[in-house]
Amino acid sequence: MKVKRAWRRVLWGCLGLAVVALGSHAVWLSFGNVHGQTVAGQITPYTAILQETVIDGSGGQRPGYLLTQALRSDGSEMRRLGVPSTGGRTILFASGVKVEVSDELGAKSTVPIRADVATRLRRGESQCIRDATGRAVTMWEEEVAGEETIDGYRAVKVTARKAPVTQWFALDHGCALLRSIMTFRGGQGSSEMHLLTLVPGEPEARLFLVPESYKEGPPSALAPPVKSPCPADCQEQRRNRFVAMDKEYHEMRSRFAR
């Protein structure tokens, strides 16, 4: 079960997608937002909140994660899994910085990213499967499966050949995720995301705020404690995953701090 939850977190992280932190890492802002500058004025900002329902192999249902996604008009994105007090936030700034935030632990993990907004955001004119340069947003070989109305919003249905996911995006609201169905490996149930609310316009500033007091550290420092039994293979996967993430974190910070 713990492995399944971890796999869901990774995949939801891919689906989707922090301000004080930028001050001490200004050198990273040299990642030029060349194409992003040309599309920033064409971005439709929003905040969307979705609730997950987990369906097991026998048809039983239980509430899962609360997913909050926000897009600013400059192309910066925020994703949070969980409630404000305990949910971890991932913030991708259009200026070229990615910050993983744990409000529960008062910690953050900051690395540089490619700041080209044009190659990161789904575009409505491509029915939400391509970016502003015409390239596919993901490597899942996504295909458009028609248009529907989801909770009163005009939506495009997108399937994927290389991922067990079907998603619906709002065509008139920045390709905001409106619904998603993800099938677990081996057909042992599924995870469904349903829209609770979609608020057009600039997101609240607090969603992108990283308090100066938050301690900087590698990704493993933000890992929540395991609250349920985790078998040996689960513990090894978790340990190996963070070893790799921490290694990349230190390499990137060393490279761009010069």
C-alpha atoms as a PDB file:
ATOM      1  CA  MET A   1       0.000   0.000   0.000  1.00  0.00           C
ATOM      2  CA  LYS A   2       2.847   2.385   0.829  1.00  0.00           C
ATOM      3  CA  VAL A   3       4.464   1.730  -2.541  1.00  0.00           C
ATOM      4  CA  LYS A   4       1.158   2.429  -4.255  1.00  0.00           C
ATOM      5  CA  ARG A   5       0.776   5.722  -2.365  1.00  0.00           C
ATOM      6  CA  ALA A   6       4.316   6.733  -3.309  1.00  0.00           C
ATOM      7  CA  TRP A   7       3.635   5.891  -6.969  1.00  0.00           C
ATOM      8  CA  ARG A   8       0.469   7.991  -6.868  1.00  0.00           C
ATOM      9  CA  ARG A   9       2.432  10.925  -5.462  1.00  0.00           C
ATOM     10  CA  VAL A  10       5.014  10.684  -8.233  1.00  0.00           C
ATOM     11  CA  LEU A  11       2.388  10.533 -10.968  1.00  0.00           C
ATOM     12  CA  TRP A  12       0.285  13.348  -9.505  1.00  0.00           C
ATOM     13  CA  GLY A  13       3.495  15.321  -9.300  1.00  0.00           C
ATOM     14  CA  CYS A  14       3.980  14.848 -13.028  1.00  0.00           C
ATOM     15  CA  LEU A  15       0.426  15.940 -13.663  1.00  0.00           C
ATOM     16  CA  GLY A  16       0.379  19.035 -12.451  1.00  0.00           C
ATOM     17  CA  LEU A  17       2.996  20.320 -12.652  1.00  0.00           C
ATOM     18  CA  ALA A  18       8.293  29.724  -4.150  1.00  0.00           C
ATOM     19  CA  VAL A  19       9.655  34.482  -3.464  1.00  0.00           C
ATOM     20  CA  VAL A  20      11.987  35.071  -0.583  1.00  0.00           C
ATOM     21  CA  ALA A  21      14.079  32.068  -1.664  1.00  0.00           C
ATOM     22  CA  LEU A  22      15.052  33.858  -4.855  1.00  0.00           C
ATOM     23  CA  GLY A  23      17.054  36.471  -3.003  1.00  0.00           C
ATOM     24  CA  SER A  24      19.893  34.195  -1.932  1.00  0.00           C
ATOM     25  CA  HIS A  25      20.089  32.405  -5.265  1.00  0.00           C
ATOM     26  CA  ALA A  26      19.956  35.304  -7.705  1.00  0.00           C
ATOM     27  CA  VAL A  27      22.731  33.799  -9.801  1.00  0.00           C
ATOM     28  CA  TRP A  28      20.279  31.088 -10.913  1.00  0.00           C
ATOM     29  CA  LEU A  29      18.075  33.665 -12.550  1.00  0.00           C
ATOM     30  CA  SER A  30      20.474  33.748 -15.487  1.00  0.00           C
ATOM     31  CA  PHE A  31      18.361  30.943 -16.952  1.00  0.00           C
ATOM     32  CA  GLY A  32      16.833  33.169 -19.632  1.00  0.00           C
ATOM     33  CA  ASN A  33      13.070  33.043 -20.088  1.00  0.00           C
ATOM     34  CA  VAL A  34      13.395  33.763 -23.828  1.00  0.00           C
ATOM     35  CA  HIS A  35      10.270  32.150 -25.241  1.00  0.00           C
ATOM     36  CA  GLY A  36       8.396  32.585 -21.980  1.00  0.00           C
ATOM     37  CA  GLN A  37       8.542  36.349 -22.358  1.00  0.00           C
ATOM     38  CA  THR A  38       6.525  36.085 -25.575  1.00  0.00           C
ATOM     39  CA  VAL A  39       3.728  33.940 -24.135  1.00  0.00           C
ATOM     40  CA  ALA A  40       3.432  35.418 -20.648  1.00  0.00           C
ATOM     41  CA  GLY A  41       0.754  37.866 -21.778  1.00  0.00           C
ATOM     42  CA  GLN A  42      -1.238  35.028 -23.332  1.00  0.00           C
ATOM     43  CA  ILE A  43      -1.417  32.907 -20.173  1.00  0.00           C
ATOM     44  CA  THR A  44      -4.776  32.539 -18.429  1.00  0.00           C
ATOM     45  CA  PRO A  45      -4.178  32.442 -14.647  1.00  0.00           C
ATOM     46  CA  TYR A  46      -6.319  30.324 -12.311  1.00  0.00           C
ATOM     47  CA  THR A  47      -6.510  28.339  -9.091  1.00  0.00           C
ATOM     48  CA  ALA A  48      -8.078  24.879  -9.171  1.00  0.00           C
ATOM     49  CA  ILE A  49      -8.789  22.555  -6.248  1.00  0.00           C
ATOM     50  CA  LEU A  50      -9.582  18.888  -6.818  1.00  0.00           C
ATOM     51  CA  GLN A  51     -10.429  16.024  -4.455  1.00  0.00           C
ATOM     52  CA  GLU A  52      -9.125  12.529  -5.020  1.00  0.00           C
ATOM     53  CA  THR A  53     -11.234   9.413  -4.498  1.00  0.00           C
ATOM     54  CA  VAL A  54      -9.344   6.121  -4.237  1.00  0.00           C
ATOM     55  CA  ILE A  55     -11.221   3.056  -5.468  1.00  0.00           C
ATOM     56  CA  ASP A  56      -9.783  -0.335  -4.485  1.00  0.00           C
ATOM     57  CA  GLY A  57      -9.954  -3.566  -6.446  1.00  0.00           C
ATOM     58  CA  SER A  58     -13.234  -4.576  -4.814  1.00  0.00           C
ATOM     59  CA  GLY A  59     -14.953  -1.276  -5.566  1.00  0.00           C
ATOM     60  CA  GLY A  60     -14.557   0.245  -2.105  1.00  0.00           C
ATOM     61  CA  GLN A  61     -13.993   4.009  -2.001  1.00  0.00           C
ATOM     62  CA  ARG A  62     -12.171   6.373   0.338  1.00  0.00           C
ATOM     63  CA  PRO A  63     -11.054  10.021   0.178  1.00  0.00           C
ATOM     64  CA  GLY A  64      -7.501  10.612  -1.006  1.00  0.00           C
ATOM     65  CA  TYR A  65      -5.374  13.681  -1.575  1.00  0.00           C
ATOM     66  CA  LEU A  66      -6.597  17.240  -1.926  1.00  0.00           C
ATOM     67  CA  LEU A  67      -4.850  18.724  -4.968  1.00  0.00           C
ATOM     68  CA  THR A  68      -4.434  22.483  -5.397  1.00  0.00           C
ATOM     69  CA  GLN A  69      -2.945  23.832  -8.628  1.00  0.00           C
ATOM     70  CA  ALA A  70      -2.307  27.493  -9.398  1.00  0.00           C
ATOM     71  CA  LEU A  71      -0.986  29.275 -12.490  1.00  0.00           C
ATOM     72  CA  ARG A  72       0.094  32.920 -12.525  1.00  0.00           C
ATOM     73  CA  SER A  73      -0.012  35.138 -15.596  1.00  0.00           C
ATOM     74  CA  ASP A  74       3.809  35.169 -15.729  1.00  0.00           C
ATOM     75  CA  GLY A  75       3.824  31.381 -16.146  1.00  0.00           C
ATOM     76  CA  SER A  76       4.804  30.478 -12.576  1.00  0.00           C
ATOM     77  CA  GLU A  77       3.083  27.343 -11.286  1.00  0.00           C
ATOM     78  CA  MET A  78       2.249  25.930  -7.851  1.00  0.00           C
ATOM     79  CA  ARG A  79       1.032  22.449  -6.917  1.00  0.00           C
ATOM     80  CA  ARG A  80       0.091  21.249  -3.440  1.00  0.00           C
ATOM     81  CA  LEU A  81      -0.963  17.775  -2.334  1.00  0.00           C
ATOM     82  CA  GLY A  82      -2.808  18.007   0.979  1.00  0.00           C
ATOM     83  CA  VAL A  83      -4.263  20.742   3.151  1.00  0.00           C
ATOM     84  CA  PRO A  84      -2.448  24.079   3.679  1.00  0.00           C
ATOM     85  CA  SER A  85      -0.927  23.119   7.046  1.00  0.00           C
ATOM     86  CA  THR A  86       0.539  19.769   6.019  1.00  0.00           C
ATOM     87  CA  GLY A  87       0.558  19.585   2.233  1.00  0.00           C
ATOM     88  CA  GLY A  88       3.871  19.868   0.427  1.00  0.00           C
ATOM     89  CA  ARG A  89       4.093  22.577  -2.251  1.00  0.00           C
ATOM     90  CA  THR A  90       6.049  22.464  -5.499  1.00  0.00           C
ATOM     91  CA  ILE A  91       6.606  25.900  -7.022  1.00  0.00           C
ATOM     92  CA  LEU A  92       8.047  26.456 -10.491  1.00  0.00           C
ATOM     93  CA  PHE A  93       8.959  30.081 -11.010  1.00  0.00           C
ATOM     94  CA  ALA A  94       9.013  31.429 -14.547  1.00  0.00           C
ATOM     95  CA  SER A  95      12.281  33.150 -13.631  1.00  0.00           C
ATOM     96  CA  GLY A  96      14.104  29.817 -13.399  1.00  0.00           C
ATOM     97  CA  VAL A  97      13.838  28.406  -9.869  1.00  0.00           C
ATOM     98  CA  LYS A  98      12.024  25.369  -8.501  1.00  0.00           C
ATOM     99  CA  VAL A  99      11.259  25.249  -4.790  1.00  0.00           C
ATOM    100  CA  GLU A 100       9.903  22.245  -2.929  1.00  0.00           C
ATOM    101  CA  VAL A 101       8.248  23.492   0.259  1.00  0.00           C
ATOM    102  CA  SER A 102       7.139  21.763   3.442  1.00  0.00           C
ATOM    103  CA  ASP A 103       5.052  24.189   5.473  1.00  0.00           C
ATOM    104  CA  GLU A 104       4.621  21.509   8.121  1.00  0.00           C
ATOM    105  CA  LEU A 105       8.399  21.223   8.673  1.00  0.00           C
ATOM    106  CA  GLY A 106       9.264  24.827   7.855  1.00  0.00           C
ATOM    107  CA  ALA A 107      11.718  23.654   5.206  1.00  0.00           C
ATOM    108  CA  LYS A 108      12.468  24.223   1.522  1.00  0.00           C
ATOM    109  CA  SER A 109      14.626  22.711  -1.217  1.00  0.00           C
ATOM    110  CA  THR A 110      15.674  25.009  -4.061  1.00  0.00           C
ATOM    111  CA  VAL A 111      17.171  24.137  -7.466  1.00  0.00           C
ATOM    112  CA  PRO A 112      17.420  25.887 -10.846  1.00  0.00           C
ATOM    113  CA  ILE A 113      15.113  24.870 -13.689  1.00  0.00           C
ATOM    114  CA  ARG A 114      14.764  25.716 -17.349  1.00  0.00           C
ATOM    115  CA  ALA A 115      12.733  28.910 -17.290  1.00  0.00           C
ATOM    116  CA  ASP A 116      11.270  28.711 -20.780  1.00  0.00           C
ATOM    117  CA  VAL A 117       7.560  28.931 -20.005  1.00  0.00           C
ATOM    118  CA  ALA A 118       6.720  28.300 -23.644  1.00  0.00           C
ATOM    119  CA  THR A 119       8.035  24.739 -23.382  1.00  0.00           C
ATOM    120  CA  ARG A 120       6.327  23.901 -20.087  1.00  0.00           C
ATOM    121  CA  LEU A 121       2.698  24.969 -20.227  1.00  0.00           C
ATOM    122  CA  ARG A 122      -0.217  23.296 -21.987  1.00  0.00           C
ATOM    123  CA  ARG A 123      -1.875  25.538 -24.569  1.00  0.00           C
ATOM    124  CA  GLY A 124      -5.599  25.598 -25.262  1.00  0.00           C
ATOM    125  CA  GLU A 125      -5.135  26.145 -28.997  1.00  0.00           C
ATOM    126  CA  SER A 126      -3.457  22.715 -29.159  1.00  0.00           C
ATOM    127  CA  GLN A 127      -6.317  21.187 -27.136  1.00  0.00           C
ATOM    128  CA  CYS A 128      -3.972  21.109 -24.156  1.00  0.00           C
ATOM    129  CA  ILE A 129      -1.545  18.449 -25.394  1.00  0.00           C
ATOM    130  CA  ARG A 130       1.208  20.739 -26.757  1.00  0.00           C
ATOM    131  CA  ASP A 131       3.148  23.766 -25.582  1.00  0.00           C
ATOM    132  CA  ALA A 132       3.513  27.152 -27.282  1.00  0.00           C
ATOM    133  CA  THR A 133       6.330  25.814 -29.499  1.00  0.00           C
ATOM    134  CA  GLY A 134       4.142  22.982 -30.808  1.00  0.00           C
ATOM    135  CA  ARG A 135       5.921  20.211 -28.927  1.00  0.00           C
ATOM    136  CA  ALA A 136       4.238  17.570 -26.790  1.00  0.00           C
ATOM    137  CA  VAL A 137       4.051  18.600 -23.131  1.00  0.00           C
ATOM    138  CA  THR A 138       4.723  15.069 -21.846  1.00  0.00           C
ATOM    139  CA  MET A 139       6.352  11.889 -23.144  1.00  0.00           C
ATOM    140  CA  TRP A 140       3.176   9.873 -22.555  1.00  0.00           C
ATOM    141  CA  GLU A 141       2.061  10.078 -26.209  1.00  0.00           C
ATOM    142  CA  GLU A 142      -1.134  11.913 -25.344  1.00  0.00           C
ATOM    143  CA  GLU A 143      -4.096  11.937 -27.701  1.00  0.00           C
ATOM    144  CA  VAL A 144      -7.259  14.040 -27.824  1.00  0.00           C
ATOM    145  CA  ALA A 145     -10.348  11.892 -27.283  1.00  0.00           C
ATOM    146  CA  GLY A 146     -12.995  14.573 -27.826  1.00  0.00           C
ATOM    147  CA  GLU A 147     -14.596  17.448 -25.983  1.00  0.00           C
ATOM    148  CA  GLU A 148     -17.033  17.295 -23.065  1.00  0.00           C
ATOM    149  CA  THR A 149     -18.551  19.565 -20.452  1.00  0.00           C
ATOM    150  CA  ILE A 150     -17.142  19.021 -16.967  1.00  0.00           C
ATOM    151  CA  ASP A 151     -18.848  20.867 -14.105  1.00  0.00           C
ATOM    152  CA  GLY A 152     -20.067  23.481 -16.566  1.00  0.00           C
ATOM    153  CA  TYR A 153     -16.673  24.056 -18.189  1.00  0.00           C
ATOM    154  CA  ARG A 154     -15.777  23.271 -21.785  1.00  0.00           C
ATOM    155  CA  ALA A 155     -13.176  20.525 -21.535  1.00  0.00           C
ATOM    156  CA  VAL A 156     -10.940  18.422 -23.749  1.00  0.00           C
ATOM    157  CA  LYS A 157     -10.544  14.739 -22.892  1.00  0.00           C
ATOM    158  CA  VAL A 158      -6.931  13.543 -23.170  1.00  0.00           C
ATOM    159  CA  THR A 159      -5.761   9.933 -23.055  1.00  0.00           C
ATOM    160  CA  ALA A 160      -2.188   8.590 -23.012  1.00  0.00           C
ATOM    161  CA  ARG A 161      -0.600   5.559 -24.610  1.00  0.00           C
ATOM    162  CA  LYS A 162       2.282   5.391 -22.149  1.00  0.00           C
ATOM    163  CA  ALA A 163       0.506   6.178 -18.887  1.00  0.00           C
ATOM    164  CA  PRO A 164      -2.652   4.738 -17.275  1.00  0.00           C
ATOM    165  CA  VAL A 165      -4.256   8.178 -17.094  1.00  0.00           C
ATOM    166  CA  THR A 166      -7.215   9.958 -18.696  1.00  0.00           C
ATOM    167  CA  GLN A 167      -7.497  13.685 -18.029  1.00  0.00           C
ATOM    168  CA  TRP A 168      -9.930  16.502 -18.774  1.00  0.00           C
ATOM    169  CA  PHE A 169      -8.599  20.058 -19.164  1.00  0.00           C
ATOM    170  CA  ALA A 170     -10.478  23.377 -19.236  1.00  0.00           C
ATOM    171  CA  LEU A 171     -10.113  24.822 -22.737  1.00  0.00           C
ATOM    172  CA  ASP A 172     -11.105  28.344 -21.692  1.00  0.00           C
ATOM    173  CA  HIS A 173      -9.207  28.475 -18.399  1.00  0.00           C
ATOM    174  CA  GLY A 174      -5.518  27.869 -19.036  1.00  0.00           C
ATOM    175  CA  CYS A 175      -5.876  24.081 -19.498  1.00  0.00           C
ATOM    176  CA  ALA A 176      -6.646  23.723 -15.803  1.00  0.00           C
ATOM    177  CA  LEU A 177      -7.121  20.100 -14.753  1.00  0.00           C
ATOM    178  CA  LEU A 178     -10.832  19.449 -14.181  1.00  0.00           C
ATOM    179  CA  ARG A 179     -10.896  15.691 -13.777  1.00  0.00           C
ATOM    180  CA  SER A 180      -8.517  12.739 -13.938  1.00  0.00           C
ATOM    181  CA  ILE A 181      -8.742   8.950 -13.758  1.00  0.00           C
ATOM    182  CA  MET A 182      -5.588   6.949 -13.071  1.00  0.00           C
ATOM    183  CA  THR A 183      -5.636   3.136 -13.055  1.00  0.00           C
ATOM    184  CA  PHE A 184      -3.316   1.382 -10.628  1.00  0.00           C
ATOM    185  CA  ARG A 185      -0.783  -1.143 -11.796  1.00  0.00           C
ATOM    186  CA  GLY A 186      -2.225  -4.592 -12.270  1.00  0.00           C
ATOM    187  CA  GLY A 187      -5.731  -3.174 -12.433  1.00  0.00           C
ATOM    188  CA  GLN A 188      -5.963  -3.076  -8.639  1.00  0.00           C
ATOM    189  CA  GLY A 189      -8.308  -0.138  -8.428  1.00  0.00           C
ATOM    190  CA  SER A 190      -7.993   3.470  -9.514  1.00  0.00           C
ATOM    191  CA  SER A 191      -7.584   7.048  -8.393  1.00  0.00           C
ATOM    192  CA  GLU A 192     -10.045   9.708  -9.544  1.00  0.00           C
ATOM    193  CA  MET A 193      -9.700  13.457  -9.215  1.00  0.00           C
ATOM    194  CA  HIS A 194     -12.860  15.585  -9.284  1.00  0.00           C
ATOM    195  CA  LEU A 195     -13.020  19.372  -9.365  1.00  0.00           C
ATOM    196  CA  LEU A 196     -14.144  21.156  -6.208  1.00  0.00           C
ATOM    197  CA  THR A 197     -13.570  24.710  -7.366  1.00  0.00           C
ATOM    198  CA  LEU A 198     -11.973  26.682 -10.193  1.00  0.00           C
ATOM    199  CA  VAL A 199     -11.197  30.341  -9.571  1.00  0.00           C
ATOM    200  CA  PRO A 200     -10.149  32.365 -12.653  1.00  0.00           C
ATOM    201  CA  GLY A 201      -7.638  35.173 -12.186  1.00  0.00           C
ATOM    202  CA  GLU A 202      -4.366  35.643 -10.351  1.00  0.00           C
ATOM    203  CA  PRO A 203      -3.852  33.109  -7.513  1.00  0.00           C
ATOM    204  CA  GLU A 204      -3.448  34.235  -3.918  1.00  0.00           C
ATOM    205  CA  ALA A 205       0.105  35.428  -3.263  1.00  0.00           C
ATOM    206  CA  ARG A 206       0.487  33.124  -0.256  1.00  0.00           C
ATOM    207  CA  LEU A 207       0.442  30.073  -2.516  1.00  0.00           C
ATOM    208  CA  PHE A 208       3.776  31.202  -3.974  1.00  0.00           C
ATOM    209  CA  LEU A 209       5.315  32.565  -0.773  1.00  0.00           C
ATOM    210  CA  VAL A 210       8.264  30.856   0.915  1.00  0.00           C
ATOM    211  CA  PRO A 211       8.994  32.352   4.359  1.00  0.00           C
ATOM    212  CA  GLU A 212      12.583  33.496   4.819  1.00  0.00           C
ATOM    213  CA  SER A 213      12.753  31.492   8.039  1.00  0.00           C
ATOM    214  CA  TYR A 214      12.301  28.171   6.231  1.00  0.00           C
ATOM    215  CA  LYS A 215      15.445  26.031   6.365  1.00  0.00           C
ATOM    216  CA  GLU A 216      17.107  25.137   3.060  1.00  0.00           C
ATOM    217  CA  GLY A 217      18.042  21.497   2.547  1.00  0.00           C
ATOM    218  CA  PRO A 218      18.050  18.517   0.154  1.00  0.00           C
ATOM    219  CA  PRO A 219      14.773  16.796  -0.851  1.00  0.00           C
ATOM    220  CA  SER A 220      15.167  14.113   1.824  1.00  0.00           C
ATOM    221  CA  ALA A 221      14.916  16.815   4.506  1.00  0.00           C
ATOM    222  CA  LEU A 222      11.349  17.515   3.354  1.00  0.00           C
ATOM    223  CA  ALA A 223      10.246  13.875   3.408  1.00  0.00           C
ATOM    224  CA  PRO A 224       7.343  13.281   5.800  1.00  0.00           C
ATOM    225  CA  PRO A 225       7.809  10.417   8.251  1.00  0.00           C
ATOM    226  CA  VAL A 226       6.341   7.052   7.275  1.00  0.00           C
ATOM    227  CA  LYS A 227       3.105   6.837   9.265  1.00  0.00           C
ATOM    228  CA  SER A 228       2.130   3.302   8.295  1.00  0.00           C
ATOM    229  CA  PRO A 229       4.061   0.009   8.054  1.00  0.00           C
ATOM    230  CA  CYS A 230       6.456   0.060   5.116  1.00  0.00           C
ATOM    231  CA  PRO A 231       7.945  -3.327   4.052  1.00  0.00           C
ATOM    232  CA  ALA A 232      11.647  -3.717   3.325  1.00  0.00           C
ATOM    233  CA  ASP A 233      11.273  -3.255  -0.448  1.00  0.00           C
ATOM    234  CA  CYS A 234       9.261  -0.079   0.119  1.00  0.00           C
ATOM    235  CA  GLN A 235      11.908   1.302   2.483  1.00  0.00           C
ATOM    236  CA  GLU A 236      14.659   0.517  -0.036  1.00  0.00           C
ATOM    237  CA  GLN A 237      12.777   2.215  -2.891  1.00  0.00           C
ATOM    238  CA  ARG A 238      12.171   5.251  -0.707  1.00  0.00           C
ATOM    239  CA  ARG A 239      15.827   5.396   0.381  1.00  0.00           C
ATOM    240  CA  ASN A 240      17.180   4.978  -3.159  1.00  0.00           C
ATOM    241  CA  ARG A 241      14.809   7.602  -4.507  1.00  0.00           C
ATOM    242  CA  PHE A 242      15.983  10.208  -2.003  1.00  0.00           C
ATOM    243  CA  VAL A 243      19.660   9.313  -2.460  1.00  0.00           C
ATOM    244  CA  ALA A 244      19.299  10.062  -6.186  1.00  0.00           C
ATOM    245  CA  MET A 245      17.293  13.247  -5.578  1.00  0.00           C
ATOM    246  CA  ASP A 246      19.761  14.530  -2.973  1.00  0.00           C
ATOM    247  CA  LYS A 247      22.714  13.834  -5.272  1.00  0.00           C
ATOM    248  CA  GLU A 248      21.131  15.843  -8.077  1.00  0.00           C
ATOM    249  CA  TYR A 249      20.249  18.637  -5.644  1.00  0.00           C
ATOM    250  CA  HIS A 250      23.847  19.038  -4.431  1.00  0.00           C
ATOM    251  CA  GLU A 251      25.261  18.823  -7.962  1.00  0.00           C
ATOM    252  CA  MET A 252      22.916  21.514  -9.263  1.00  0.00           C
ATOM    253  CA  ARG A 253      23.539  23.857  -6.341  1.00  0.00           C
ATOM    254  CA  SER A 254      27.290  23.422  -6.668  1.00  0.00           C
ATOM    255  CA  ARG A 255      27.219  24.015 -10.426  1.00  0.00           C
ATOM    256  CA  PHE A 256      25.134  27.197 -10.376  1.00  0.00           C
ATOM    257  CA  ALA A 257      26.595  28.712  -7.217  1.00  0.00           C
ATOM    258  CA  ARG A 258      29.915  29.321  -8.987  1.00  0.00           C
END
